Amino acid sequence: MSKEVKEAKKKIEMLTNHLLDSIDVDLLSDSQKIAYLKAIQPFVMPRLESVRQQTSLEVSEGLEWLIESDESEVEKEIHKKLGIYTGNEGLA
């Protein structure tokens, strides 16, 4: 990897860290918090494939549903917990 590419990556990482640190999550609306979570989730949670490859994974009982659920199910559950109606849930 060239020196310029390494420097560019370092600058991007520093800028990203600064931007993330400057966001006051408490000031965001619920929908903005969901959008923020969706944006950062791939960087903070391991990919499902890597989770399944680990043989000694210990998941608390409250999070077992998350591993087996697809993205739309997780999003619906988050909306339900936050009391957000998007019109996609259907009638219960």
PDB file of N, CA and C in Angstrom:
ATOM      1  N   MET A   1       0.854  -1.175   0.000  1.00  0.00           N
ATOM      2  CA  MET A   1       0.000   0.000   0.000  1.00  0.00           C
ATOM      3  C   MET A   1       0.899   1.236   0.000  1.00  0.00           C
ATOM      4  N   SER A   2       0.566   2.187  -0.853  1.00  0.00           N
ATOM      5  CA  SER A   2       1.417   3.365  -0.977  1.00  0.00           C
ATOM      6  C   SER A   2       1.264   4.276   0.241  1.00  0.00           C
ATOM      7  N   LYS A   3       2.249   5.114   0.403  1.00  0.00           N
ATOM      8  CA  LYS A   3       2.265   6.041   1.536  1.00  0.00           C
ATOM      9  C   LYS A   3       1.072   6.996   1.472  1.00  0.00           C
ATOM     10  N   GLU A   4       0.731   7.446   0.259  1.00  0.00           N
ATOM     11  CA  GLU A   4      -0.396   8.378   0.093  1.00  0.00           C
ATOM     12  C   GLU A   4      -1.717   7.736   0.493  1.00  0.00           C
ATOM     13  N   VAL A   5      -1.898   6.467   0.119  1.00  0.00           N
ATOM     14  CA  VAL A   5      -3.137   5.759   0.466  1.00  0.00           C
ATOM     15  C   VAL A   5      -3.238   5.591   1.977  1.00  0.00           C
ATOM     16  N   LYS A   6      -2.127   5.242   2.617  1.00  0.00           N
ATOM     17  CA  LYS A   6      -2.125   5.091   4.072  1.00  0.00           C
ATOM     18  C   LYS A   6      -2.461   6.412   4.750  1.00  0.00           C
ATOM     19  N   GLU A   7      -1.885   7.501   4.256  1.00  0.00           N
ATOM     20  CA  GLU A   7      -2.160   8.822   4.834  1.00  0.00           C
ATOM     21  C   GLU A   7      -3.623   9.209   4.630  1.00  0.00           C
ATOM     22  N   ALA A   8      -4.160   8.925   3.447  1.00  0.00           N
ATOM     23  CA  ALA A   8      -5.562   9.242   3.170  1.00  0.00           C
ATOM     24  C   ALA A   8      -6.476   8.451   4.092  1.00  0.00           C
ATOM     25  N   LYS A   9      -6.200   7.160   4.266  1.00  0.00           N
ATOM     26  CA  LYS A   9      -7.014   6.334   5.163  1.00  0.00           C
ATOM     27  C   LYS A   9      -6.956   6.860   6.592  1.00  0.00           C
ATOM     28  N   LYS A  10      -5.774   7.275   7.025  1.00  0.00           N
ATOM     29  CA  LYS A  10      -5.619   7.799   8.378  1.00  0.00           C
ATOM     30  C   LYS A  10      -6.421   9.088   8.544  1.00  0.00           C
ATOM     31  N   LYS A  11      -6.382   9.961   7.538  1.00  0.00           N
ATOM     32  CA  LYS A  11      -7.136  11.212   7.613  1.00  0.00           C
ATOM     33  C   LYS A  11      -8.640  10.942   7.626  1.00  0.00           C
ATOM     34  N   ILE A  12      -9.091  10.007   6.809  1.00  0.00           N
ATOM     35  CA  ILE A  12     -10.515   9.659   6.774  1.00  0.00           C
ATOM     36  C   ILE A  12     -10.949   9.086   8.117  1.00  0.00           C
ATOM     37  N   GLU A  13     -10.112   8.236   8.699  1.00  0.00           N
ATOM     38  CA  GLU A  13     -10.440   7.657  10.000  1.00  0.00           C
ATOM     39  C   GLU A  13     -10.514   8.743  11.073  1.00  0.00           C
ATOM     40  N   MET A  14      -9.582   9.668  11.049  1.00  0.00           N
ATOM     41  CA  MET A  14      -9.586  10.761  12.029  1.00  0.00           C
ATOM     42  C   MET A  14     -10.831  11.636  11.855  1.00  0.00           C
ATOM     43  N   LEU A  15     -11.176  11.961  10.603  1.00  0.00           N
ATOM     44  CA  LEU A  15     -12.355  12.774  10.333  1.00  0.00           C
ATOM     45  C   LEU A  15     -13.623  12.057  10.784  1.00  0.00           C
ATOM     46  N   THR A  16     -13.705  10.775  10.471  1.00  0.00           N
ATOM     47  CA  THR A  16     -14.872   9.984  10.867  1.00  0.00           C
ATOM     48  C   THR A  16     -15.015   9.949  12.386  1.00  0.00           C
ATOM     49  N   ASN A  17     -13.922   9.706  13.078  1.00  0.00           N
ATOM     50  CA  ASN A  17     -13.965   9.681  14.546  1.00  0.00           C
ATOM     51  C   ASN A  17     -14.409  11.029  15.100  1.00  0.00           C
ATOM     52  N   HIS A  18     -13.901  12.105  14.521  1.00  0.00           N
ATOM     53  CA  HIS A  18     -14.279  13.446  14.976  1.00  0.00           C
ATOM     54  C   HIS A  18     -15.770  13.688  14.751  1.00  0.00           C
ATOM     55  N   LEU A  19     -16.269  13.308  13.571  1.00  0.00           N
ATOM     56  CA  LEU A  19     -17.691  13.501  13.271  1.00  0.00           C
ATOM     57  C   LEU A  19     -18.578  12.677  14.202  1.00  0.00           C
ATOM     58  N   LEU A  20     -18.205  11.421  14.424  1.00  0.00           N
ATOM     59  CA  LEU A  20     -18.992  10.572  15.325  1.00  0.00           C
ATOM     60  C   LEU A  20     -18.987  11.120  16.744  1.00  0.00           C
ATOM     61  N   ASP A  21     -17.843  11.622  17.191  1.00  0.00           N
ATOM     62  CA  ASP A  21     -17.751  12.184  18.539  1.00  0.00           C
ATOM     63  C   ASP A  21     -18.575  13.465  18.679  1.00  0.00           C
ATOM     64  N   SER A  22     -18.771  14.187  17.583  1.00  0.00           N
ATOM     65  CA  SER A  22     -19.484  15.461  17.652  1.00  0.00           C
ATOM     66  C   SER A  22     -20.999  15.301  17.613  1.00  0.00           C
ATOM     67  N   ILE A  23     -21.502  14.120  17.291  1.00  0.00           N
ATOM     68  CA  ILE A  23     -22.950  13.897  17.224  1.00  0.00           C
ATOM     69  C   ILE A  23     -23.494  13.691  18.637  1.00  0.00           C
ATOM     70  N   ASP A  24     -24.447  14.545  19.008  1.00  0.00           N
ATOM     71  CA  ASP A  24     -25.112  14.404  20.303  1.00  0.00           C
ATOM     72  C   ASP A  24     -26.366  13.568  20.090  1.00  0.00           C
ATOM     73  N   VAL A  25     -26.271  12.289  20.368  1.00  0.00           N
ATOM     74  CA  VAL A  25     -27.355  11.350  20.105  1.00  0.00           C
ATOM     75  C   VAL A  25     -28.612  11.735  20.876  1.00  0.00           C
ATOM     76  N   ASP A  26     -28.469  12.340  22.030  1.00  0.00           N
ATOM     77  CA  ASP A  26     -29.637  12.727  22.831  1.00  0.00           C
ATOM     78  C   ASP A  26     -30.501  13.779  22.134  1.00  0.00           C
ATOM     79  N   LEU A  27     -29.918  14.521  21.202  1.00  0.00           N
ATOM     80  CA  LEU A  27     -30.670  15.550  20.492  1.00  0.00           C
ATOM     81  C   LEU A  27     -31.370  15.017  19.240  1.00  0.00           C
ATOM     82  N   LEU A  28     -31.113  13.764  18.867  1.00  0.00           N
ATOM     83  CA  LEU A  28     -31.699  13.186  17.667  1.00  0.00           C
ATOM     84  C   LEU A  28     -33.128  12.710  17.936  1.00  0.00           C
ATOM     85  N   SER A  29     -33.957  12.780  16.898  1.00  0.00           N
ATOM     86  CA  SER A  29     -35.303  12.210  16.992  1.00  0.00           C
ATOM     87  C   SER A  29     -35.170  10.687  16.945  1.00  0.00           C
ATOM     88  N   ASP A  30     -36.259   9.997  17.237  1.00  0.00           N
ATOM     89  CA  ASP A  30     -36.222   8.534  17.203  1.00  0.00           C
ATOM     90  C   ASP A  30     -35.860   8.027  15.809  1.00  0.00           C
ATOM     91  N   SER A  31     -36.444   8.625  14.774  1.00  0.00           N
ATOM     92  CA  SER A  31     -36.131   8.164  13.416  1.00  0.00           C
ATOM     93  C   SER A  31     -34.685   8.463  13.053  1.00  0.00           C
ATOM     94  N   GLN A  32     -34.138   9.568  13.535  1.00  0.00           N
ATOM     95  CA  GLN A  32     -32.729   9.876  13.294  1.00  0.00           C
ATOM     96  C   GLN A  32     -31.820   8.903  14.042  1.00  0.00           C
ATOM     97  N   LYS A  33     -32.235   8.495  15.230  1.00  0.00           N
ATOM     98  CA  LYS A  33     -31.458   7.516  15.991  1.00  0.00           C
ATOM     99  C   LYS A  33     -31.425   6.177  15.259  1.00  0.00           C
ATOM    100  N   ILE A  34     -32.557   5.786  14.670  1.00  0.00           N
ATOM    101  CA  ILE A  34     -32.599   4.533  13.909  1.00  0.00           C
ATOM    102  C   ILE A  34     -31.691   4.629  12.693  1.00  0.00           C
ATOM    103  N   ALA A  35     -31.746   5.758  11.987  1.00  0.00           N
ATOM    104  CA  ALA A  35     -30.886   5.948  10.815  1.00  0.00           C
ATOM    105  C   ALA A  35     -29.416   5.909  11.226  1.00  0.00           C
ATOM    106  N   TYR A  36     -29.090   6.522  12.349  1.00  0.00           N
ATOM    107  CA  TYR A  36     -27.721   6.521  12.867  1.00  0.00           C
ATOM    108  C   TYR A  36     -27.276   5.102  13.207  1.00  0.00           C
ATOM    109  N   LEU A  37     -28.159   4.362  13.874  1.00  0.00           N
ATOM    110  CA  LEU A  37     -27.862   2.979  14.233  1.00  0.00           C
ATOM    111  C   LEU A  37     -27.629   2.129  12.987  1.00  0.00           C
ATOM    112  N   LYS A  38     -28.476   2.319  11.978  1.00  0.00           N
ATOM    113  CA  LYS A  38     -28.314   1.576  10.727  1.00  0.00           C
ATOM    114  C   LYS A  38     -26.979   1.892  10.065  1.00  0.00           C
ATOM    115  N   ALA A  39     -26.563   3.144  10.160  1.00  0.00           N
ATOM    116  CA  ALA A  39     -25.319   3.556   9.516  1.00  0.00           C
ATOM    117  C   ALA A  39     -24.091   2.978  10.215  1.00  0.00           C
ATOM    118  N   ILE A  40     -24.113   2.928  11.543  1.00  0.00           N
ATOM    119  CA  ILE A  40     -22.918   2.469  12.266  1.00  0.00           C
ATOM    120  C   ILE A  40     -22.920   0.984  12.573  1.00  0.00           C
ATOM    121  N   GLN A  41     -24.086   0.345  12.480  1.00  0.00           N
ATOM    122  CA  GLN A  41     -24.211  -1.069  12.844  1.00  0.00           C
ATOM    123  C   GLN A  41     -23.206  -1.973  12.139  1.00  0.00           C
ATOM    124  N   PRO A  42     -22.990  -1.820  10.821  1.00  0.00           N
ATOM    125  CA  PRO A  42     -22.043  -2.733  10.175  1.00  0.00           C
ATOM    126  C   PRO A  42     -20.616  -2.628  10.721  1.00  0.00           C
ATOM    127  N   PHE A  43     -20.300  -1.508  11.349  1.00  0.00           N
ATOM    128  CA  PHE A  43     -18.949  -1.311  11.847  1.00  0.00           C
ATOM    129  C   PHE A  43     -18.767  -1.754  13.286  1.00  0.00           C
ATOM    130  N   VAL A  44     -19.870  -1.912  14.006  1.00  0.00           N
ATOM    131  CA  VAL A  44     -19.751  -2.266  15.420  1.00  0.00           C
ATOM    132  C   VAL A  44     -20.209  -3.676  15.746  1.00  0.00           C
ATOM    133  N   MET A  45     -20.982  -4.283  14.841  1.00  0.00           N
ATOM    134  CA  MET A  45     -21.446  -5.646  15.076  1.00  0.00           C
ATOM    135  C   MET A  45     -20.773  -6.586  14.093  1.00  0.00           C
ATOM    136  N   PRO A  46     -20.376  -7.752  14.561  1.00  0.00           N
ATOM    137  CA  PRO A  46     -19.750  -8.704  13.635  1.00  0.00           C
ATOM    138  C   PRO A  46     -20.742  -9.183  12.590  1.00  0.00           C
ATOM    139  N   ARG A  47     -20.249  -9.511  11.426  1.00  0.00           N
ATOM    140  CA  ARG A  47     -21.112 -10.043  10.366  1.00  0.00           C
ATOM    141  C   ARG A  47     -21.684 -11.382  10.829  1.00  0.00           C
ATOM    142  N   LEU A  48     -22.886 -11.671  10.380  1.00  0.00           N
ATOM    143  CA  LEU A  48     -23.571 -12.891  10.782  1.00  0.00           C
ATOM    144  C   LEU A  48     -22.738 -14.120  10.450  1.00  0.00           C
ATOM    145  N   GLU A  49     -22.055 -14.110   9.298  1.00  0.00           N
ATOM    146  CA  GLU A  49     -21.239 -15.255   8.927  1.00  0.00           C
ATOM    147  C   GLU A  49     -20.133 -15.514   9.949  1.00  0.00           C
ATOM    148  N   SER A  50     -19.499 -14.442  10.421  1.00  0.00           N
ATOM    149  CA  SER A  50     -18.416 -14.624  11.383  1.00  0.00           C
ATOM    150  C   SER A  50     -18.957 -15.079  12.733  1.00  0.00           C
ATOM    151  N   VAL A  51     -20.162 -14.661  13.070  1.00  0.00           N
ATOM    152  CA  VAL A  51     -20.780 -15.103  14.326  1.00  0.00           C
ATOM    153  C   VAL A  51     -21.051 -16.596  14.250  1.00  0.00           C
ATOM    154  N   ARG A  52     -21.568 -17.061  13.119  1.00  0.00           N
ATOM    155  CA  ARG A  52     -21.884 -18.482  12.981  1.00  0.00           C
ATOM    156  C   ARG A  52     -20.631 -19.341  12.948  1.00  0.00           C
ATOM    157  N   GLN A  53     -19.504 -18.786  12.509  1.00  0.00           N
ATOM    158  CA  GLN A  53     -18.274 -19.554  12.421  1.00  0.00           C
ATOM    159  C   GLN A  53     -17.640 -19.772  13.789  1.00  0.00           C
ATOM    160  N   GLN A  54     -17.945 -18.919  14.729  1.00  0.00           N
ATOM    161  CA  GLN A  54     -17.379 -19.059  16.063  1.00  0.00           C
ATOM    162  C   GLN A  54     -18.083 -20.205  16.778  1.00  0.00           C
ATOM    163  N   THR A  55     -17.294 -21.100  17.344  1.00  0.00           N
ATOM    164  CA  THR A  55     -17.903 -22.259  17.996  1.00  0.00           C
ATOM    165  C   THR A  55     -18.246 -22.002  19.458  1.00  0.00           C
ATOM    166  N   SER A  56     -17.598 -21.044  20.074  1.00  0.00           N
ATOM    167  CA  SER A  56     -17.839 -20.808  21.494  1.00  0.00           C
ATOM    168  C   SER A  56     -18.594 -19.503  21.729  1.00  0.00           C
ATOM    169  N   LEU A  57     -19.479 -19.154  20.839  1.00  0.00           N
ATOM    170  CA  LEU A  57     -20.244 -17.922  20.979  1.00  0.00           C
ATOM    171  C   LEU A  57     -21.258 -18.071  22.108  1.00  0.00           C
ATOM    172  N   GLU A  58     -21.222 -17.130  23.016  1.00  0.00           N
ATOM    173  CA  GLU A  58     -22.188 -17.122  24.100  1.00  0.00           C
ATOM    174  C   GLU A  58     -23.052 -15.881  23.944  1.00  0.00           C
ATOM    175  N   VAL A  59     -24.328 -16.098  23.668  1.00  0.00           N
ATOM    176  CA  VAL A  59     -25.262 -15.005  23.477  1.00  0.00           C
ATOM    177  C   VAL A  59     -26.265 -15.050  24.611  1.00  0.00           C
ATOM    178  N   SER A  60     -26.512 -13.906  25.205  1.00  0.00           N
ATOM    179  CA  SER A  60     -27.497 -13.883  26.284  1.00  0.00           C
ATOM    180  C   SER A  60     -28.864 -14.240  25.717  1.00  0.00           C
ATOM    181  N   GLU A  61     -29.707 -14.805  26.558  1.00  0.00           N
ATOM    182  CA  GLU A  61     -31.010 -15.281  26.107  1.00  0.00           C
ATOM    183  C   GLU A  61     -31.838 -14.172  25.486  1.00  0.00           C
ATOM    184  N   GLY A  62     -31.665 -12.951  25.939  1.00  0.00           N
ATOM    185  CA  GLY A  62     -32.435 -11.838  25.414  1.00  0.00           C
ATOM    186  C   GLY A  62     -32.051 -11.430  24.007  1.00  0.00           C
ATOM    187  N   LEU A  63     -30.901 -11.883  23.518  1.00  0.00           N
ATOM    188  CA  LEU A  63     -30.446 -11.489  22.181  1.00  0.00           C
ATOM    189  C   LEU A  63     -30.434 -12.635  21.178  1.00  0.00           C
ATOM    190  N   GLU A  64     -30.866 -13.807  21.575  1.00  0.00           N
ATOM    191  CA  GLU A  64     -30.848 -14.953  20.655  1.00  0.00           C
ATOM    192  C   GLU A  64     -31.665 -14.697  19.391  1.00  0.00           C
ATOM    193  N   TRP A  65     -32.786 -14.012  19.524  1.00  0.00           N
ATOM    194  CA  TRP A  65     -33.652 -13.729  18.379  1.00  0.00           C
ATOM    195  C   TRP A  65     -32.925 -12.908  17.323  1.00  0.00           C
ATOM    196  N   LEU A  66     -31.979 -12.073  17.753  1.00  0.00           N
ATOM    197  CA  LEU A  66     -31.280 -11.175  16.833  1.00  0.00           C
ATOM    198  C   LEU A  66     -30.447 -11.941  15.815  1.00  0.00           C
ATOM    199  N   ILE A  67     -29.822 -13.029  16.239  1.00  0.00           N
ATOM    200  CA  ILE A  67     -28.963 -13.801  15.350  1.00  0.00           C
ATOM    201  C   ILE A  67     -29.773 -14.485  14.264  1.00  0.00           C
ATOM    202  N   GLU A  68     -30.945 -14.985  14.606  1.00  0.00           N
ATOM    203  CA  GLU A  68     -31.761 -15.726  13.652  1.00  0.00           C
ATOM    204  C   GLU A  68     -32.662 -14.828  12.800  1.00  0.00           C
ATOM    205  N   SER A  69     -32.775 -13.548  13.142  1.00  0.00           N
ATOM    206  CA  SER A  69     -33.692 -12.648  12.450  1.00  0.00           C
ATOM    207  C   SER A  69     -33.020 -11.989  11.253  1.00  0.00           C
ATOM    208  N   ASP A  70     -33.843 -11.671  10.245  1.00  0.00           N
ATOM    209  CA  ASP A  70     -33.296 -10.906   9.129  1.00  0.00           C
ATOM    210  C   ASP A  70     -33.440  -9.418   9.441  1.00  0.00           C
ATOM    211  N   GLU A  71     -32.894  -8.584   8.569  1.00  0.00           N
ATOM    212  CA  GLU A  71     -32.845  -7.150   8.830  1.00  0.00           C
ATOM    213  C   GLU A  71     -34.232  -6.537   9.016  1.00  0.00           C
ATOM    214  N   SER A  72     -35.206  -6.967   8.211  1.00  0.00           N
ATOM    215  CA  SER A  72     -36.542  -6.381   8.324  1.00  0.00           C
ATOM    216  C   SER A  72     -37.191  -6.733   9.659  1.00  0.00           C
ATOM    217  N   GLU A  73     -36.967  -7.946  10.147  1.00  0.00           N
ATOM    218  CA  GLU A  73     -37.518  -8.331  11.447  1.00  0.00           C
ATOM    219  C   GLU A  73     -36.900  -7.509  12.568  1.00  0.00           C
ATOM    220  N   VAL A  74     -35.592  -7.281  12.487  1.00  0.00           N
ATOM    221  CA  VAL A  74     -34.904  -6.486  13.508  1.00  0.00           C
ATOM    222  C   VAL A  74     -35.422  -5.048  13.475  1.00  0.00           C
ATOM    223  N   GLU A  75     -35.582  -4.505  12.264  1.00  0.00           N
ATOM    224  CA  GLU A  75     -36.079  -3.138  12.132  1.00  0.00           C
ATOM    225  C   GLU A  75     -37.492  -3.008  12.697  1.00  0.00           C
ATOM    226  N   LYS A  76     -38.361  -3.981  12.416  1.00  0.00           N
ATOM    227  CA  LYS A  76     -39.723  -3.951  12.954  1.00  0.00           C
ATOM    228  C   LYS A  76     -39.703  -3.997  14.473  1.00  0.00           C
ATOM    229  N   GLU A  77     -38.841  -4.812  15.041  1.00  0.00           N
ATOM    230  CA  GLU A  77     -38.756  -4.927  16.500  1.00  0.00           C
ATOM    231  C   GLU A  77     -38.263  -3.619  17.118  1.00  0.00           C
ATOM    232  N   ILE A  78     -37.302  -2.985  16.481  1.00  0.00           N
ATOM    233  CA  ILE A  78     -36.794  -1.693  16.979  1.00  0.00           C
ATOM    234  C   ILE A  78     -37.913  -0.660  16.927  1.00  0.00           C
ATOM    235  N   HIS A  79     -38.630  -0.615  15.806  1.00  0.00           N
ATOM    236  CA  HIS A  79     -39.743   0.333  15.681  1.00  0.00           C
ATOM    237  C   HIS A  79     -40.792   0.074  16.753  1.00  0.00           C
ATOM    238  N   LYS A  80     -41.091  -1.208  16.986  1.00  0.00           N
ATOM    239  CA  LYS A  80     -42.092  -1.566  17.995  1.00  0.00           C
ATOM    240  C   LYS A  80     -41.646  -1.082  19.374  1.00  0.00           C
ATOM    241  N   LYS A  81     -40.383  -1.322  19.709  1.00  0.00           N
ATOM    242  CA  LYS A  81     -39.869  -0.927  21.029  1.00  0.00           C
ATOM    243  C   LYS A  81     -39.880   0.589  21.207  1.00  0.00           C
ATOM    244  N   LEU A  82     -39.616   1.332  20.082  1.00  0.00           N
ATOM    245  CA  LEU A  82     -39.582   2.787  20.156  1.00  0.00           C
ATOM    246  C   LEU A  82     -40.957   3.415  19.950  1.00  0.00           C
ATOM    247  N   GLY A  83     -41.958   2.584  19.620  1.00  0.00           N
ATOM    248  CA  GLY A  83     -43.301   3.096  19.405  1.00  0.00           C
ATOM    249  C   GLY A  83     -43.449   3.866  18.106  1.00  0.00           C
ATOM    250  N   ILE A  84     -42.678   3.476  17.095  1.00  0.00           N
ATOM    251  CA  ILE A  84     -42.725   4.159  15.803  1.00  0.00           C
ATOM    252  C   ILE A  84     -43.567   3.340  14.847  1.00  0.00           C
ATOM    253  N   TYR A  85     -44.589   3.962  14.258  1.00  0.00           N
ATOM    254  CA  TYR A  85     -45.426   3.287  13.281  1.00  0.00           C
ATOM    255  C   TYR A  85     -45.000   3.752  11.898  1.00  0.00           C
ATOM    256  N   THR A  86     -44.605   2.821  11.030  1.00  0.00           N
ATOM    257  CA  THR A  86     -44.153   3.171   9.686  1.00  0.00           C
ATOM    258  C   THR A  86     -45.171   2.789   8.630  1.00  0.00           C
ATOM    259  N   GLY A  87     -46.219   2.107   8.999  1.00  0.00           N
ATOM    260  CA  GLY A  87     -47.224   1.695   8.040  1.00  0.00           C
ATOM    261  C   GLY A  87     -46.898   0.374   7.369  1.00  0.00           C
ATOM    262  N   ASN A  88     -45.746  -0.224   7.687  1.00  0.00           N
ATOM    263  CA  ASN A  88     -45.320  -1.483   7.072  1.00  0.00           C
ATOM    264  C   ASN A  88     -45.559  -2.698   7.971  1.00  0.00           C
ATOM    265  N   GLU A  89     -46.008  -2.469   9.185  1.00  0.00           N
ATOM    266  CA  GLU A  89     -46.100  -3.554  10.145  1.00  0.00           C
ATOM    267  C   GLU A  89     -47.348  -4.400   9.959  1.00  0.00           C
ATOM    268  N   GLY A  90     -48.417  -3.840   9.387  1.00  0.00           N
ATOM    269  CA  GLY A  90     -49.668  -4.570   9.308  1.00  0.00           C
ATOM    270  C   GLY A  90     -50.397  -4.487  10.632  1.00  0.00           C
ATOM    271  N   LEU A  91     -51.551  -5.067  10.678  1.00  0.00           N
ATOM    272  CA  LEU A  91     -52.343  -5.037  11.911  1.00  0.00           C
ATOM    273  C   LEU A  91     -52.066  -6.273  12.750  1.00  0.00           C
ATOM    274  N   ALA A  92     -51.970  -6.069  14.032  1.00  0.00           N
ATOM    275  CA  ALA A  92     -51.689  -7.187  14.933  1.00  0.00           C
ATOM    276  C   ALA A  92     -52.966  -7.804  15.429  1.00  0.00           C
TER     277      ALA A  92
END
